Amino acid sequence: MAWFDLGVNLFSQQFDHDRIELLERAQTAGVGHWLLIASDLKEAEQNIAWCHQHPACYSTAGVHPHQADQVSEGWQRQLRQLVKDHTVVAIGECGLDFNRNFSSEMGQLAVFSEQLALAKELQLPVYLHERDAFEQQYALLQEHQIQHGIAHCFTGNSEQLKAYLDLGLYIGLTGWLCDERRNQQLIAALQYLPLDRICLETDSPYLLPRNLTHKPKSRRNEPAYLLAIAEQLAALKDLSLQQVQQQCWLNSQQLLNRAGVSS
């Protein structure tokens, strides 16, 4: 079975010394396809260069809300150029984060809105980040008539889940699902989440699944551990691992406009 990790922060400093080994371990575990997350345009360039060397990898291109105040003049033109690359399949990671406010709320709203407009124009999915800003984010998604994308690392409640589903979005599940200390809200929402809207992502190196039998001493997550999330989902949804794999593969291809591509 082939698995697709829909969220890898490959150019995190935590992976500086073993990126190739990371890929090899993932392939051994059956996780042969990755979507690399870009938090800014420089990281998108790094991702694209990697993807040119590793054809089973794809990238987003965009500006994370934490970086919104740091965009340079002409960043919109640069983003337009980046998304022309065949390995770029989504706009993001973009959204709003009013929890940490590393960038001003005004700056976040402006940069997010521009990325939504570009995604709509180019008919690309959006790769969404949100923290403590759901109402504002949802309003902008409605304003721009966004109907295609993924709520990355979803940890919200049932009402937020239903709202995203009503827009037509996919829901990204991470190791948060495996964390008994804080997954209660997510598990409660899971009953409303149909299998054909689920995508699996590690968000590595973050969110190491707590249900791993043998946890690394480094506590660093990596794509090879995607199956731990899949196993948790299968148990909670009373499904076989094969059912989860087949549907999540199909979901990933539809999300990224690659329907019909075999694993």
C-alpha atoms as a PDB file:
ATOM      1  CA  MET A   1       0.000   0.000   0.000  1.00  0.00           C
ATOM      2  CA  ALA A   2       1.132   3.537  -0.763  1.00  0.00           C
ATOM      3  CA  TRP A   3       0.620   6.326   1.758  1.00  0.00           C
ATOM      4  CA  PHE A   4       0.707  10.075   1.165  1.00  0.00           C
ATOM      5  CA  ASP A   5       1.913  12.346   3.966  1.00  0.00           C
ATOM      6  CA  LEU A   6       0.111  15.626   3.324  1.00  0.00           C
ATOM      7  CA  GLY A   7       2.283  17.681   5.662  1.00  0.00           C
ATOM      8  CA  VAL A   8       6.081  17.617   5.959  1.00  0.00           C
ATOM      9  CA  ASN A   9       8.197  20.582   7.137  1.00  0.00           C
ATOM     10  CA  LEU A  10      11.240  19.158   5.388  1.00  0.00           C
ATOM     11  CA  PHE A  11      13.496  22.177   5.794  1.00  0.00           C
ATOM     12  CA  SER A  12      13.097  22.380   9.527  1.00  0.00           C
ATOM     13  CA  GLN A  13      16.534  22.549  11.147  1.00  0.00           C
ATOM     14  CA  GLN A  14      15.691  19.280  12.874  1.00  0.00           C
ATOM     15  CA  PHE A  15      16.129  17.533   9.503  1.00  0.00           C
ATOM     16  CA  ASP A  16      19.360  19.249   8.474  1.00  0.00           C
ATOM     17  CA  HIS A  17      21.499  16.151   8.941  1.00  0.00           C
ATOM     18  CA  ASP A  18      19.416  13.297   7.563  1.00  0.00           C
ATOM     19  CA  ARG A  19      16.913  14.324   4.885  1.00  0.00           C
ATOM     20  CA  ILE A  20      17.839  11.494   2.521  1.00  0.00           C
ATOM     21  CA  GLU A  21      17.682   8.947   5.344  1.00  0.00           C
ATOM     22  CA  LEU A  22      14.303  10.425   6.269  1.00  0.00           C
ATOM     23  CA  LEU A  23      13.038   9.675   2.780  1.00  0.00           C
ATOM     24  CA  GLU A  24      14.449   6.158   2.846  1.00  0.00           C
ATOM     25  CA  ARG A  25      12.815   5.336   6.196  1.00  0.00           C
ATOM     26  CA  ALA A  26       9.493   6.651   4.952  1.00  0.00           C
ATOM     27  CA  GLN A  27       9.676   4.594   1.766  1.00  0.00           C
ATOM     28  CA  THR A  28      10.465   1.483   3.801  1.00  0.00           C
ATOM     29  CA  ALA A  29       7.331   2.185   5.867  1.00  0.00           C
ATOM     30  CA  GLY A  30       5.249   2.572   2.706  1.00  0.00           C
ATOM     31  CA  VAL A  31       5.015   6.371   2.861  1.00  0.00           C
ATOM     32  CA  GLY A  32       6.268   7.102  -0.619  1.00  0.00           C
ATOM     33  CA  HIS A  33       4.596  10.453  -1.297  1.00  0.00           C
ATOM     34  CA  TRP A  34       4.994  13.742   0.540  1.00  0.00           C
ATOM     35  CA  LEU A  35       3.560  17.237   0.391  1.00  0.00           C
ATOM     36  CA  LEU A  36       6.188  19.681   1.605  1.00  0.00           C
ATOM     37  CA  ILE A  37       4.868  22.699   3.498  1.00  0.00           C
ATOM     38  CA  ALA A  38       6.189  26.175   2.711  1.00  0.00           C
ATOM     39  CA  SER A  39       5.958  28.813   5.423  1.00  0.00           C
ATOM     40  CA  ASP A  40       7.475  31.531   3.235  1.00  0.00           C
ATOM     41  CA  LEU A  41       8.686  31.995  -0.313  1.00  0.00           C
ATOM     42  CA  LYS A  42      12.278  31.060   0.448  1.00  0.00           C
ATOM     43  CA  GLU A  43      11.145  27.734   1.880  1.00  0.00           C
ATOM     44  CA  ALA A  44       8.957  27.201  -1.180  1.00  0.00           C
ATOM     45  CA  GLU A  45      12.072  27.555  -3.345  1.00  0.00           C
ATOM     46  CA  GLN A  46      13.902  24.994  -1.206  1.00  0.00           C
ATOM     47  CA  ASN A  47      10.960  22.616  -1.432  1.00  0.00           C
ATOM     48  CA  ILE A  48      10.731  22.975  -5.198  1.00  0.00           C
ATOM     49  CA  ALA A  49      14.423  22.200  -5.646  1.00  0.00           C
ATOM     50  CA  TRP A  50      13.994  19.043  -3.556  1.00  0.00           C
ATOM     51  CA  CYS A  51      10.881  18.002  -5.490  1.00  0.00           C
ATOM     52  CA  HIS A  52      12.742  18.282  -8.796  1.00  0.00           C
ATOM     53  CA  GLN A  53      15.123  15.630  -7.470  1.00  0.00           C
ATOM     54  CA  HIS A  54      12.415  13.464  -5.854  1.00  0.00           C
ATOM     55  CA  PRO A  55       9.418  13.065  -8.177  1.00  0.00           C
ATOM     56  CA  ALA A  56       7.096  11.597  -5.528  1.00  0.00           C
ATOM     57  CA  CYS A  57       7.238  14.870  -3.582  1.00  0.00           C
ATOM     58  CA  TYR A  58       5.174  18.011  -4.099  1.00  0.00           C
ATOM     59  CA  SER A  59       5.118  21.429  -2.479  1.00  0.00           C
ATOM     60  CA  THR A  60       2.908  24.256  -1.369  1.00  0.00           C
ATOM     61  CA  ALA A  61       3.916  27.862  -1.969  1.00  0.00           C
ATOM     62  CA  GLY A  62       2.758  30.726   0.195  1.00  0.00           C
ATOM     63  CA  VAL A  63       3.190  32.799   3.337  1.00  0.00           C
ATOM     64  CA  HIS A  64       2.369  31.561   6.836  1.00  0.00           C
ATOM     65  CA  PRO A  65       0.564  34.078   9.068  1.00  0.00           C
ATOM     66  CA  HIS A  66       3.625  34.217  11.333  1.00  0.00           C
ATOM     67  CA  GLN A  67       5.578  35.620   8.360  1.00  0.00           C
ATOM     68  CA  ALA A  68       2.951  38.058   7.102  1.00  0.00           C
ATOM     69  CA  ASP A  69       4.686  41.203   8.362  1.00  0.00           C
ATOM     70  CA  GLN A  70       7.978  40.118   6.798  1.00  0.00           C
ATOM     71  CA  VAL A  71       6.876  39.947   3.165  1.00  0.00           C
ATOM     72  CA  SER A  72       8.942  42.092   0.830  1.00  0.00           C
ATOM     73  CA  GLU A  73       7.716  44.408  -1.893  1.00  0.00           C
ATOM     74  CA  GLY A  74       6.627  42.403  -4.904  1.00  0.00           C
ATOM     75  CA  TRP A  75       6.045  39.185  -2.979  1.00  0.00           C
ATOM     76  CA  GLN A  76       2.818  38.610  -4.887  1.00  0.00           C
ATOM     77  CA  ARG A  77       4.694  38.527  -8.216  1.00  0.00           C
ATOM     78  CA  GLN A  78       7.236  36.127  -6.760  1.00  0.00           C
ATOM     79  CA  LEU A  79       4.484  33.826  -5.511  1.00  0.00           C
ATOM     80  CA  ARG A  80       2.837  33.870  -8.925  1.00  0.00           C
ATOM     81  CA  GLN A  81       6.123  32.793 -10.456  1.00  0.00           C
ATOM     82  CA  LEU A  82       6.631  29.995  -7.930  1.00  0.00           C
ATOM     83  CA  VAL A  83       3.213  28.448  -8.476  1.00  0.00           C
ATOM     84  CA  LYS A  84       3.993  28.029 -12.166  1.00  0.00           C
ATOM     85  CA  ASP A  85       6.347  25.212 -11.204  1.00  0.00           C
ATOM     86  CA  HIS A  86       4.778  21.811 -11.861  1.00  0.00           C
ATOM     87  CA  THR A  87       5.646  20.576  -8.363  1.00  0.00           C
ATOM     88  CA  VAL A  88       3.571  23.284  -6.636  1.00  0.00           C
ATOM     89  CA  VAL A  89       0.076  21.962  -5.999  1.00  0.00           C
ATOM     90  CA  ALA A  90      -1.408  24.308  -3.376  1.00  0.00           C
ATOM     91  CA  ILE A  91      -1.251  27.863  -2.015  1.00  0.00           C
ATOM     92  CA  GLY A  92      -0.053  28.060   1.568  1.00  0.00           C
ATOM     93  CA  GLU A  93       0.588  27.436   4.329  1.00  0.00           C
ATOM     94  CA  CYS A  94      -1.673  30.451   4.716  1.00  0.00           C
ATOM     95  CA  GLY A  95      -4.267  31.611   7.183  1.00  0.00           C
ATOM     96  CA  LEU A  96      -4.616  33.465  10.465  1.00  0.00           C
ATOM     97  CA  ASP A  97      -2.990  32.960  13.865  1.00  0.00           C
ATOM     98  CA  PHE A  98      -4.263  35.330  16.532  1.00  0.00           C
ATOM     99  CA  ASN A  99      -2.838  33.190  19.330  1.00  0.00           C
ATOM    100  CA  ARG A 100       0.816  34.125  19.048  1.00  0.00           C
ATOM    101  CA  ASN A 101       0.450  37.179  16.823  1.00  0.00           C
ATOM    102  CA  PHE A 102       3.998  36.972  15.512  1.00  0.00           C
ATOM    103  CA  SER A 103       2.619  39.243  12.786  1.00  0.00           C
ATOM    104  CA  SER A 104      -0.003  41.947  13.239  1.00  0.00           C
ATOM    105  CA  GLU A 105      -3.631  41.002  12.742  1.00  0.00           C
ATOM    106  CA  MET A 106      -3.917  43.632  10.003  1.00  0.00           C
ATOM    107  CA  GLY A 107      -0.876  42.220   8.207  1.00  0.00           C
ATOM    108  CA  GLN A 108      -2.146  38.666   8.492  1.00  0.00           C
ATOM    109  CA  LEU A 109      -5.559  39.570   7.109  1.00  0.00           C
ATOM    110  CA  ALA A 110      -4.070  41.397   4.130  1.00  0.00           C
ATOM    111  CA  VAL A 111      -1.565  38.684   3.188  1.00  0.00           C
ATOM    112  CA  PHE A 112      -4.096  35.901   3.670  1.00  0.00           C
ATOM    113  CA  SER A 113      -6.697  37.674   1.554  1.00  0.00           C
ATOM    114  CA  GLU A 114      -4.249  38.126  -1.323  1.00  0.00           C
ATOM    115  CA  GLN A 115      -3.342  34.447  -1.259  1.00  0.00           C
ATOM    116  CA  LEU A 116      -7.000  33.420  -1.278  1.00  0.00           C
ATOM    117  CA  ALA A 117      -7.608  35.652  -4.286  1.00  0.00           C
ATOM    118  CA  LEU A 118      -4.671  34.079  -6.126  1.00  0.00           C
ATOM    119  CA  ALA A 119      -5.797  30.543  -5.280  1.00  0.00           C
ATOM    120  CA  LYS A 120      -9.275  31.305  -6.570  1.00  0.00           C
ATOM    121  CA  GLU A 121      -7.925  32.865  -9.749  1.00  0.00           C
ATOM    122  CA  LEU A 122      -5.592  29.951 -10.490  1.00  0.00           C
ATOM    123  CA  GLN A 123      -8.016  27.286  -9.246  1.00  0.00           C
ATOM    124  CA  LEU A 124      -5.479  25.906  -6.785  1.00  0.00           C
ATOM    125  CA  PRO A 125      -6.344  24.412  -3.389  1.00  0.00           C
ATOM    126  CA  VAL A 126      -5.510  26.385  -0.259  1.00  0.00           C
ATOM    127  CA  TYR A 127      -3.437  24.866   2.548  1.00  0.00           C
ATOM    128  CA  LEU A 128      -4.888  26.475   5.655  1.00  0.00           C
ATOM    129  CA  HIS A 129      -3.509  27.324   9.083  1.00  0.00           C
ATOM    130  CA  GLU A 130      -5.783  28.712  11.802  1.00  0.00           C
ATOM    131  CA  ARG A 131      -5.406  29.345  15.501  1.00  0.00           C
ATOM    132  CA  ASP A 132      -7.748  31.421  17.646  1.00  0.00           C
ATOM    133  CA  ALA A 133      -9.094  33.143  14.530  1.00  0.00           C
ATOM    134  CA  PHE A 134     -11.777  30.835  13.179  1.00  0.00           C
ATOM    135  CA  GLU A 135     -14.545  33.406  12.720  1.00  0.00           C
ATOM    136  CA  GLN A 136     -12.324  35.828  10.821  1.00  0.00           C
ATOM    137  CA  GLN A 137     -10.793  33.034   8.741  1.00  0.00           C
ATOM    138  CA  TYR A 138     -14.138  31.501   7.857  1.00  0.00           C
ATOM    139  CA  ALA A 139     -15.492  34.910   6.842  1.00  0.00           C
ATOM    140  CA  LEU A 140     -12.588  35.450   4.435  1.00  0.00           C
ATOM    141  CA  LEU A 141     -12.988  31.972   2.965  1.00  0.00           C
ATOM    142  CA  GLN A 142     -16.640  32.752   2.307  1.00  0.00           C
ATOM    143  CA  GLU A 143     -15.835  36.190   0.901  1.00  0.00           C
ATOM    144  CA  HIS A 144     -13.415  34.681  -1.612  1.00  0.00           C
ATOM    145  CA  GLN A 145     -15.762  31.763  -2.328  1.00  0.00           C
ATOM    146  CA  ILE A 146     -13.101  29.196  -1.460  1.00  0.00           C
ATOM    147  CA  GLN A 147     -14.368  25.672  -2.027  1.00  0.00           C
ATOM    148  CA  HIS A 148     -11.166  23.697  -2.488  1.00  0.00           C
ATOM    149  CA  GLY A 149      -8.434  23.144   0.057  1.00  0.00           C
ATOM    150  CA  ILE A 150      -7.469  21.540   3.341  1.00  0.00           C
ATOM    151  CA  ALA A 151      -7.737  22.582   6.965  1.00  0.00           C
ATOM    152  CA  HIS A 152      -4.176  21.641   7.871  1.00  0.00           C
ATOM    153  CA  CYS A 153      -3.643  20.036  11.293  1.00  0.00           C
ATOM    154  CA  PHE A 154      -7.288  20.400  12.271  1.00  0.00           C
ATOM    155  CA  THR A 155      -7.806  20.418  16.063  1.00  0.00           C
ATOM    156  CA  GLY A 156     -11.088  22.297  16.253  1.00  0.00           C
ATOM    157  CA  ASN A 157     -14.574  21.455  17.466  1.00  0.00           C
ATOM    158  CA  SER A 158     -17.588  19.903  15.764  1.00  0.00           C
ATOM    159  CA  GLU A 159     -19.098  23.196  14.636  1.00  0.00           C
ATOM    160  CA  GLN A 160     -15.852  24.352  13.051  1.00  0.00           C
ATOM    161  CA  LEU A 161     -15.478  20.985  11.341  1.00  0.00           C
ATOM    162  CA  LYS A 162     -18.988  21.165   9.904  1.00  0.00           C
ATOM    163  CA  ALA A 163     -18.350  24.700   8.658  1.00  0.00           C
ATOM    164  CA  TYR A 164     -15.199  23.640   6.809  1.00  0.00           C
ATOM    165  CA  LEU A 165     -16.994  20.614   5.352  1.00  0.00           C
ATOM    166  CA  ASP A 166     -19.816  22.849   4.147  1.00  0.00           C
ATOM    167  CA  LEU A 167     -17.250  24.854   2.193  1.00  0.00           C
ATOM    168  CA  GLY A 168     -16.037  21.659   0.539  1.00  0.00           C
ATOM    169  CA  LEU A 169     -12.690  21.453   2.332  1.00  0.00           C
ATOM    170  CA  TYR A 170     -10.704  18.382   3.295  1.00  0.00           C
ATOM    171  CA  ILE A 171      -9.595  17.908   6.883  1.00  0.00           C
ATOM    172  CA  GLY A 172      -5.967  17.178   7.788  1.00  0.00           C
ATOM    173  CA  LEU A 173      -5.474  14.824  10.725  1.00  0.00           C
ATOM    174  CA  THR A 174      -2.142  14.638  12.544  1.00  0.00           C
ATOM    175  CA  GLY A 175      -0.656  13.039  15.636  1.00  0.00           C
ATOM    176  CA  TRP A 176      -2.966  15.295  17.655  1.00  0.00           C
ATOM    177  CA  LEU A 177      -5.509  12.512  17.113  1.00  0.00           C
ATOM    178  CA  CYS A 178      -3.226  10.173  19.077  1.00  0.00           C
ATOM    179  CA  ASP A 179      -2.740  12.475  22.060  1.00  0.00           C
ATOM    180  CA  GLU A 180      -5.074  11.392  24.856  1.00  0.00           C
ATOM    181  CA  ARG A 181      -4.188  14.536  26.833  1.00  0.00           C
ATOM    182  CA  ARG A 182      -5.854  16.926  24.395  1.00  0.00           C
ATOM    183  CA  ASN A 183      -7.685  15.049  21.629  1.00  0.00           C
ATOM    184  CA  GLN A 184     -11.148  14.920  23.231  1.00  0.00           C
ATOM    185  CA  GLN A 185     -12.584  17.795  21.178  1.00  0.00           C
ATOM    186  CA  LEU A 186     -11.190  16.351  17.965  1.00  0.00           C
ATOM    187  CA  ILE A 187     -12.502  12.866  18.696  1.00  0.00           C
ATOM    188  CA  ALA A 188     -15.953  14.311  19.411  1.00  0.00           C
ATOM    189  CA  ALA A 189     -15.861  16.059  16.022  1.00  0.00           C
ATOM    190  CA  LEU A 190     -14.683  12.906  14.265  1.00  0.00           C
ATOM    191  CA  GLN A 191     -18.201  11.432  14.253  1.00  0.00           C
ATOM    192  CA  TYR A 192     -19.198  14.146  11.760  1.00  0.00           C
ATOM    193  CA  LEU A 193     -16.179  13.641   9.502  1.00  0.00           C
ATOM    194  CA  PRO A 194     -16.809  11.388   6.477  1.00  0.00           C
ATOM    195  CA  LEU A 195     -13.951   9.215   5.328  1.00  0.00           C
ATOM    196  CA  ASP A 196     -13.944  10.823   1.879  1.00  0.00           C
ATOM    197  CA  ARG A 197     -12.871  14.171   3.380  1.00  0.00           C
ATOM    198  CA  ILE A 198      -9.898  12.961   5.461  1.00  0.00           C
ATOM    199  CA  CYS A 199      -6.242  13.491   4.645  1.00  0.00           C
ATOM    200  CA  LEU A 200      -3.405  12.257   6.847  1.00  0.00           C
ATOM    201  CA  GLU A 201      -0.335  14.319   7.649  1.00  0.00           C
ATOM    202  CA  THR A 202       2.483  14.067  10.157  1.00  0.00           C
ATOM    203  CA  ASP A 203       3.295  17.805  10.277  1.00  0.00           C
ATOM    204  CA  SER A 204       6.755  16.462  11.010  1.00  0.00           C
ATOM    205  CA  PRO A 205       9.007  17.164  12.831  1.00  0.00           C
ATOM    206  CA  TYR A 206       6.151  18.212  15.143  1.00  0.00           C
ATOM    207  CA  LEU A 207       3.323  16.254  16.811  1.00  0.00           C
ATOM    208  CA  LEU A 208       4.971  12.886  17.327  1.00  0.00           C
ATOM    209  CA  PRO A 209       2.124  10.330  17.669  1.00  0.00           C
ATOM    210  CA  ARG A 210       1.882   9.214  21.290  1.00  0.00           C
ATOM    211  CA  ASN A 211       0.603   5.773  20.268  1.00  0.00           C
ATOM    212  CA  LEU A 212       3.948   4.775  18.733  1.00  0.00           C
ATOM    213  CA  THR A 213       5.214   1.536  20.236  1.00  0.00           C
ATOM    214  CA  HIS A 214       8.821   2.666  20.083  1.00  0.00           C
ATOM    215  CA  LYS A 215       9.185   6.420  20.394  1.00  0.00           C
ATOM    216  CA  PRO A 216      12.468   8.037  19.268  1.00  0.00           C
ATOM    217  CA  LYS A 217      14.543   9.566  22.034  1.00  0.00           C
ATOM    218  CA  SER A 218      14.678  12.790  20.046  1.00  0.00           C
ATOM    219  CA  ARG A 219      10.847  13.081  20.191  1.00  0.00           C
ATOM    220  CA  ARG A 220      11.119  14.167  16.561  1.00  0.00           C
ATOM    221  CA  ASN A 221       8.282  13.188  14.256  1.00  0.00           C
ATOM    222  CA  GLU A 222       8.900  12.056  10.676  1.00  0.00           C
ATOM    223  CA  PRO A 223       6.909  10.788   7.674  1.00  0.00           C
ATOM    224  CA  ALA A 224       7.606   7.122   8.479  1.00  0.00           C
ATOM    225  CA  TYR A 225       5.294   7.493  11.487  1.00  0.00           C
ATOM    226  CA  LEU A 226       2.221   8.355   9.389  1.00  0.00           C
ATOM    227  CA  LEU A 227       0.879   4.828   9.877  1.00  0.00           C
ATOM    228  CA  ALA A 228       0.499   5.424  13.616  1.00  0.00           C
ATOM    229  CA  ILE A 229      -2.042   8.140  12.799  1.00  0.00           C
ATOM    230  CA  ALA A 230      -3.751   5.876  10.271  1.00  0.00           C
ATOM    231  CA  GLU A 231      -4.008   3.082  12.834  1.00  0.00           C
ATOM    232  CA  GLN A 232      -5.582   5.426  15.369  1.00  0.00           C
ATOM    233  CA  LEU A 233      -8.082   6.658  12.790  1.00  0.00           C
ATOM    234  CA  ALA A 234      -8.940   3.101  11.739  1.00  0.00           C
ATOM    235  CA  ALA A 235      -9.611   2.126  15.354  1.00  0.00           C
ATOM    236  CA  LEU A 236     -11.770   5.185  16.032  1.00  0.00           C
ATOM    237  CA  LYS A 237     -13.757   4.788  12.813  1.00  0.00           C
ATOM    238  CA  ASP A 238     -13.976   0.975  13.019  1.00  0.00           C
ATOM    239  CA  LEU A 239     -12.293   0.575   9.638  1.00  0.00           C
ATOM    240  CA  SER A 240      -9.563  -1.625   8.253  1.00  0.00           C
ATOM    241  CA  LEU A 241      -6.172  -0.064   7.593  1.00  0.00           C
ATOM    242  CA  GLN A 242      -6.643  -0.888   3.915  1.00  0.00           C
ATOM    243  CA  GLN A 243      -9.906   1.084   3.814  1.00  0.00           C
ATOM    244  CA  VAL A 244      -8.169   4.062   5.363  1.00  0.00           C
ATOM    245  CA  GLN A 245      -5.247   3.833   2.956  1.00  0.00           C
ATOM    246  CA  GLN A 246      -7.338   3.510  -0.178  1.00  0.00           C
ATOM    247  CA  GLN A 247      -9.699   6.363   0.665  1.00  0.00           C
ATOM    248  CA  CYS A 248      -7.006   8.713   1.966  1.00  0.00           C
ATOM    249  CA  TRP A 249      -4.950   8.126  -1.184  1.00  0.00           C
ATOM    250  CA  LEU A 250      -7.958   9.015  -3.322  1.00  0.00           C
ATOM    251  CA  ASN A 251      -8.676  12.065  -1.163  1.00  0.00           C
ATOM    252  CA  SER A 252      -5.108  13.322  -1.517  1.00  0.00           C
ATOM    253  CA  GLN A 253      -5.261  13.049  -5.302  1.00  0.00           C
ATOM    254  CA  GLN A 254      -8.580  14.865  -5.497  1.00  0.00           C
ATOM    255  CA  LEU A 255      -7.354  17.583  -3.140  1.00  0.00           C
ATOM    256  CA  LEU A 256      -4.242  18.166  -5.233  1.00  0.00           C
ATOM    257  CA  ASN A 257      -6.082  17.977  -8.576  1.00  0.00           C
ATOM    258  CA  ARG A 258      -4.330  14.740  -9.491  1.00  0.00           C
ATOM    259  CA  ALA A 259      -7.354  12.417  -9.620  1.00  0.00           C
ATOM    260  CA  GLY A 260      -6.688   9.316 -11.690  1.00  0.00           C
ATOM    261  CA  VAL A 261      -3.018   9.045 -10.672  1.00  0.00           C
ATOM    262  CA  SER A 262      -2.196   5.573  -9.357  1.00  0.00           C
ATOM    263  CA  SER A 263      -0.129   4.891  -6.244  1.00  0.00           C
END
